[in-house]
C-alpha atoms as a PDB file:
ATOM      1  CA  UNK A   1       0.220   0.405  -0.019  1.00  0.00           C
ATOM      2  CA  UNK A   2       1.637   3.567  -1.162  1.00  0.00           C
ATOM      3  CA  UNK A   3       1.844   6.273   1.712  1.00  0.00           C
ATOM      4  CA  UNK A   4       1.581  10.027   1.347  1.00  0.00           C
ATOM      5  CA  UNK A   5       3.728  12.389   2.823  1.00  0.00           C
ATOM      6  CA  UNK A   6       3.602  12.448   6.594  1.00  0.00           C
ATOM      7  CA  UNK A   7       2.503   8.965   6.821  1.00  0.00           C
ATOM      8  CA  UNK A   8      -1.169   8.877   6.229  1.00  0.00           C
ATOM      9  CA  UNK A   9      -2.825   5.993   4.335  1.00  0.00           C
ATOM     10  CA  UNK A  10      -4.026   7.418   1.081  1.00  0.00           C
ATOM     11  CA  UNK A  11      -7.315   5.293   1.188  1.00  0.00           C
ATOM     12  CA  UNK A  12      -8.272   5.785   4.644  1.00  0.00           C
ATOM     13  CA  UNK A  13      -6.996   9.169   5.653  1.00  0.00           C
ATOM     14  CA  UNK A  14      -5.758   7.758   8.756  1.00  0.00           C
ATOM     15  CA  UNK A  15      -1.831   7.480  10.180  1.00  0.00           C
ATOM     16  CA  UNK A  16      -0.899   4.388  11.065  1.00  0.00           C
ATOM     17  CA  UNK A  17      -1.060   2.624  14.137  1.00  0.00           C
ATOM     18  CA  UNK A  18       1.930   2.548  15.369  1.00  0.00           C
ATOM     19  CA  UNK A  19       2.667   6.560  15.448  1.00  0.00           C
ATOM     20  CA  UNK A  20      -1.142   7.449  17.207  1.00  0.00           C
ATOM     21  CA  UNK A  21      -0.343   4.852  19.837  1.00  0.00           C
ATOM     22  CA  UNK A  22       2.953   6.564  20.545  1.00  0.00           C
ATOM     23  CA  UNK A  23       1.766  10.028  20.121  1.00  0.00           C
ATOM     24  CA  UNK A  24      -1.264   9.652  22.716  1.00  0.00           C
ATOM     25  CA  UNK A  25       0.109   8.994  26.020  1.00  0.00           C
ATOM     26  CA  UNK A  26      -2.372   7.520  28.225  1.00  0.00           C
ATOM     27  CA  UNK A  27      -2.353   7.863  32.168  1.00  0.00           C
ATOM     28  CA  UNK A  28      -4.715   7.546  34.870  1.00  0.00           C
ATOM     29  CA  UNK A  29      -7.764   5.755  34.399  1.00  0.00           C
ATOM     30  CA  UNK A  30     -10.639   7.904  35.428  1.00  0.00           C
ATOM     31  CA  UNK A  31     -13.464   5.323  34.557  1.00  0.00           C
ATOM     32  CA  UNK A  32     -13.971   1.717  33.771  1.00  0.00           C
ATOM     33  CA  UNK A  33     -14.250  -0.617  32.727  1.00  0.00           C
ATOM     34  CA  UNK A  34     -18.268  -0.808  32.494  1.00  0.00           C
ATOM     35  CA  UNK A  35     -18.821   0.055  29.288  1.00  0.00           C
ATOM     36  CA  UNK A  36     -15.700   2.125  28.440  1.00  0.00           C
ATOM     37  CA  UNK A  37     -12.372   2.785  29.834  1.00  0.00           C
ATOM     38  CA  UNK A  38     -11.142   6.526  29.867  1.00  0.00           C
ATOM     39  CA  UNK A  39      -8.132   7.511  30.707  1.00  0.00           C
ATOM     40  CA  UNK A  40      -6.535  11.159  30.955  1.00  0.00           C
ATOM     41  CA  UNK A  41      -3.091  11.802  28.699  1.00  0.00           C
ATOM     42  CA  UNK A  42      -1.598  13.934  26.706  1.00  0.00           C
ATOM     43  CA  UNK A  43      -0.534  14.664  23.440  1.00  0.00           C
ATOM     44  CA  UNK A  44       3.256  14.597  22.909  1.00  0.00           C
ATOM     45  CA  UNK A  45       2.687  16.337  19.181  1.00  0.00           C
ATOM     46  CA  UNK A  46       1.018  19.132  20.941  1.00  0.00           C
ATOM     47  CA  UNK A  47       3.070  20.371  23.460  1.00  0.00           C
ATOM     48  CA  UNK A  48       1.753  17.775  25.963  1.00  0.00           C
ATOM     49  CA  UNK A  49      -1.977  18.930  25.803  1.00  0.00           C
ATOM     50  CA  UNK A  50      -3.838  17.346  27.976  1.00  0.00           C
ATOM     51  CA  UNK A  51      -6.480  14.945  26.380  1.00  0.00           C
ATOM     52  CA  UNK A  52      -9.004  12.066  27.551  1.00  0.00           C
ATOM     53  CA  UNK A  53      -8.943   9.084  25.584  1.00  0.00           C
ATOM     54  CA  UNK A  54     -12.018   6.870  25.628  1.00  0.00           C
ATOM     55  CA  UNK A  55     -11.788   2.973  24.722  1.00  0.00           C
ATOM     56  CA  UNK A  56     -15.363   1.708  24.467  1.00  0.00           C
ATOM     57  CA  UNK A  57     -15.664  -1.808  25.458  1.00  0.00           C
ATOM     58  CA  UNK A  58     -17.957  -2.395  21.919  1.00  0.00           C
ATOM     59  CA  UNK A  59     -16.753  -1.723  18.636  1.00  0.00           C
ATOM     60  CA  UNK A  60     -20.389  -0.322  17.083  1.00  0.00           C
ATOM     61  CA  UNK A  61     -20.581   1.875  20.052  1.00  0.00           C
ATOM     62  CA  UNK A  62     -17.288   3.553  19.188  1.00  0.00           C
ATOM     63  CA  UNK A  63     -18.295   3.788  15.735  1.00  0.00           C
ATOM     64  CA  UNK A  64     -21.749   5.097  16.523  1.00  0.00           C
ATOM     65  CA  UNK A  65     -19.864   7.763  19.123  1.00  0.00           C
ATOM     66  CA  UNK A  66     -17.230   8.736  16.298  1.00  0.00           C
ATOM     67  CA  UNK A  67     -19.683   9.984  13.916  1.00  0.00           C
ATOM     68  CA  UNK A  68     -21.939  11.601  16.139  1.00  0.00           C
ATOM     69  CA  UNK A  69     -19.457  13.711  17.613  1.00  0.00           C
ATOM     70  CA  UNK A  70     -17.765  14.212  13.795  1.00  0.00           C
ATOM     71  CA  UNK A  71     -21.182  15.789  12.911  1.00  0.00           C
ATOM     72  CA  UNK A  72     -21.366  18.255  16.299  1.00  0.00           C
ATOM     73  CA  UNK A  73     -17.732  19.794  15.701  1.00  0.00           C
ATOM     74  CA  UNK A  74     -17.987  23.551  15.811  1.00  0.00           C
ATOM     75  CA  UNK A  75     -19.601  24.196  19.130  1.00  0.00           C
ATOM     76  CA  UNK A  76     -17.754  25.065  21.923  1.00  0.00           C
ATOM     77  CA  UNK A  77     -20.283  23.328  24.440  1.00  0.00           C
ATOM     78  CA  UNK A  78     -19.697  19.868  23.009  1.00  0.00           C
ATOM     79  CA  UNK A  79     -16.663  17.869  23.458  1.00  0.00           C
ATOM     80  CA  UNK A  80     -14.079  18.160  20.764  1.00  0.00           C
ATOM     81  CA  UNK A  81     -13.392  14.760  19.144  1.00  0.00           C
ATOM     82  CA  UNK A  82      -9.608  15.229  17.968  1.00  0.00           C
ATOM     83  CA  UNK A  83      -8.828  11.880  16.853  1.00  0.00           C
ATOM     84  CA  UNK A  84      -9.471   8.119  16.811  1.00  0.00           C
ATOM     85  CA  UNK A  85      -7.078   4.772  16.042  1.00  0.00           C
ATOM     86  CA  UNK A  86      -7.214   1.368  16.653  1.00  0.00           C
ATOM     87  CA  UNK A  87      -4.934  -0.934  18.447  1.00  0.00           C
ATOM     88  CA  UNK A  88      -5.003  -4.458  19.301  1.00  0.00           C
ATOM     89  CA  UNK A  89      -8.755  -4.729  18.138  1.00  0.00           C
ATOM     90  CA  UNK A  90      -9.604  -1.853  20.259  1.00  0.00           C
ATOM     91  CA  UNK A  91     -11.010   1.719  19.341  1.00  0.00           C
ATOM     92  CA  UNK A  92      -9.503   4.611  21.069  1.00  0.00           C
ATOM     93  CA  UNK A  93     -11.284   7.812  20.802  1.00  0.00           C
ATOM     94  CA  UNK A  94      -9.203  10.808  21.860  1.00  0.00           C
ATOM     95  CA  UNK A  95     -11.176  13.743  22.825  1.00  0.00           C
ATOM     96  CA  UNK A  96      -9.873  17.376  24.535  1.00  0.00           C
ATOM     97  CA  UNK A  97      -9.639  17.637  28.008  1.00  0.00           C
ATOM     98  CA  UNK A  98     -12.596  19.348  29.623  1.00  0.00           C
ATOM     99  CA  UNK A  99     -10.787  21.479  32.690  1.00  0.00           C
ATOM    100  CA  UNK A 100     -13.566  21.588  35.617  1.00  0.00           C
ATOM    101  CA  UNK A 101     -16.142  19.470  37.462  1.00  0.00           C
ATOM    102  CA  UNK A 102     -18.844  17.486  36.101  1.00  0.00           C
ATOM    103  CA  UNK A 103     -22.425  18.804  37.422  1.00  0.00           C
ATOM    104  CA  UNK A 104     -22.718  16.962  40.621  1.00  0.00           C
ATOM    105  CA  UNK A 105     -19.349  18.124  42.153  1.00  0.00           C
ATOM    106  CA  UNK A 106     -19.939  21.505  40.536  1.00  0.00           C
ATOM    107  CA  UNK A 107     -23.325  21.913  42.673  1.00  0.00           C
ATOM    108  CA  UNK A 108     -21.984  20.011  45.749  1.00  0.00           C
ATOM    109  CA  UNK A 109     -19.037  22.875  45.711  1.00  0.00           C
ATOM    110  CA  UNK A 110     -21.931  25.739  45.009  1.00  0.00           C
ATOM    111  CA  UNK A 111     -24.510  24.324  47.833  1.00  0.00           C
ATOM    112  CA  UNK A 112     -21.567  24.151  50.321  1.00  0.00           C
ATOM    113  CA  UNK A 113     -19.824  27.504  49.713  1.00  0.00           C
ATOM    114  CA  UNK A 114     -22.800  29.661  51.571  1.00  0.00           C
ATOM    115  CA  UNK A 115     -26.271  29.615  52.581  1.00  0.00           C
ATOM    116  CA  UNK A 116     -28.190  30.793  49.892  1.00  0.00           C
ATOM    117  CA  UNK A 117     -31.670  32.388  49.112  1.00  0.00           C
ATOM    118  CA  UNK A 118     -33.797  30.235  46.175  1.00  0.00           C
ATOM    119  CA  UNK A 119     -33.367  33.455  44.453  1.00  0.00           C
ATOM    120  CA  UNK A 120     -29.686  33.211  44.417  1.00  0.00           C
ATOM    121  CA  UNK A 121     -29.614  29.684  43.467  1.00  0.00           C
ATOM    122  CA  UNK A 122     -31.835  30.482  40.590  1.00  0.00           C
ATOM    123  CA  UNK A 123     -30.151  32.867  39.360  1.00  0.00           C
ATOM    124  CA  UNK A 124     -26.415  31.256  39.374  1.00  0.00           C
ATOM    125  CA  UNK A 125     -28.275  27.912  37.931  1.00  0.00           C
ATOM    126  CA  UNK A 126     -30.042  29.548  35.170  1.00  0.00           C
ATOM    127  CA  UNK A 127     -27.186  30.426  32.616  1.00  0.00           C
ATOM    128  CA  UNK A 128     -26.215  26.266  33.538  1.00  0.00           C
ATOM    129  CA  UNK A 129     -29.173  25.118  32.632  1.00  0.00           C
ATOM    130  CA  UNK A 130     -29.745  27.401  29.613  1.00  0.00           C
ATOM    131  CA  UNK A 131     -26.107  26.150  27.919  1.00  0.00           C
ATOM    132  CA  UNK A 132     -27.052  22.623  28.680  1.00  0.00           C
ATOM    133  CA  UNK A 133     -30.384  23.156  26.696  1.00  0.00           C
ATOM    134  CA  UNK A 134     -28.795  25.066  24.191  1.00  0.00           C
ATOM    135  CA  UNK A 135     -26.078  21.853  23.667  1.00  0.00           C
ATOM    136  CA  UNK A 136     -28.598  19.746  23.540  1.00  0.00           C
ATOM    137  CA  UNK A 137     -30.739  21.513  21.187  1.00  0.00           C
ATOM    138  CA  UNK A 138     -27.577  21.907  18.571  1.00  0.00           C
ATOM    139  CA  UNK A 139     -27.217  18.021  18.963  1.00  0.00           C
ATOM    140  CA  UNK A 140     -31.114  17.774  18.040  1.00  0.00           C
ATOM    141  CA  UNK A 141     -30.508  20.263  15.179  1.00  0.00           C
ATOM    142  CA  UNK A 142     -27.889  17.736  13.748  1.00  0.00           C
ATOM    143  CA  UNK A 143     -30.203  14.682  14.098  1.00  0.00           C
ATOM    144  CA  UNK A 144     -28.197  13.331  17.101  1.00  0.00           C
ATOM    145  CA  UNK A 145     -29.998  12.047  20.635  1.00  0.00           C
ATOM    146  CA  UNK A 146     -27.627  12.019  23.369  1.00  0.00           C
ATOM    147  CA  UNK A 147     -28.803   9.475  24.868  1.00  0.00           C
ATOM    148  CA  UNK A 148     -26.434   9.208  28.298  1.00  0.00           C
ATOM    149  CA  UNK A 149     -27.499  12.802  29.714  1.00  0.00           C
ATOM    150  CA  UNK A 150     -26.691  12.349  33.372  1.00  0.00           C
ATOM    151  CA  UNK A 151     -24.585  15.084  35.576  1.00  0.00           C
ATOM    152  CA  UNK A 152     -21.268  12.817  34.978  1.00  0.00           C
ATOM    153  CA  UNK A 153     -21.358  14.157  31.410  1.00  0.00           C
ATOM    154  CA  UNK A 154     -21.766  17.284  32.036  1.00  0.00           C
ATOM    155  CA  UNK A 155     -19.069  19.554  32.801  1.00  0.00           C
ATOM    156  CA  UNK A 156     -18.679  23.013  34.465  1.00  0.00           C
ATOM    157  CA  UNK A 157     -15.555  25.292  34.696  1.00  0.00           C
ATOM    158  CA  UNK A 158     -15.951  26.993  38.175  1.00  0.00           C
ATOM    159  CA  UNK A 159     -14.160  30.052  37.029  1.00  0.00           C
ATOM    160  CA  UNK A 160     -16.446  30.575  34.019  1.00  0.00           C
ATOM    161  CA  UNK A 161     -19.390  28.729  34.389  1.00  0.00           C
ATOM    162  CA  UNK A 162     -18.845  27.384  30.891  1.00  0.00           C
ATOM    163  CA  UNK A 163     -20.813  24.328  30.146  1.00  0.00           C
ATOM    164  CA  UNK A 164     -19.872  21.274  28.088  1.00  0.00           C
ATOM    165  CA  UNK A 165     -21.293  18.010  27.414  1.00  0.00           C
END
């Protein structure tokens, strides 16, 4: 099989496995082994930028997730699909690392911060809920149903209050 410059496969457009496997350095396991293993790591080609590598146990789940995320790129409230590759009969999906807390941890910290009135809580929560709704609307406009909306899958930057699904 012939290769173009930079080691890309002409037929698929993907780099060879060994290059990608070495590029994405996986570290601490943050979730698993239920349906997926998820590790924090870094991209050795991008100034050690933090990434997340997810390895769904079912190949069909990986394919569906990759196709859905490819259709959802361009919205800063949706996690960015950076890459994917196959190694040892497993698909590895590479995402940008989203700094912040999941929704449950953020709400716990928020409520522990101080006694708040119901009005203060509503005022603080309204923009967060609105961002979640807008992100889901973006998914639906592109024919994608998230199918796993839960607090663990919603991240919030505590400083900026920016939400990412």
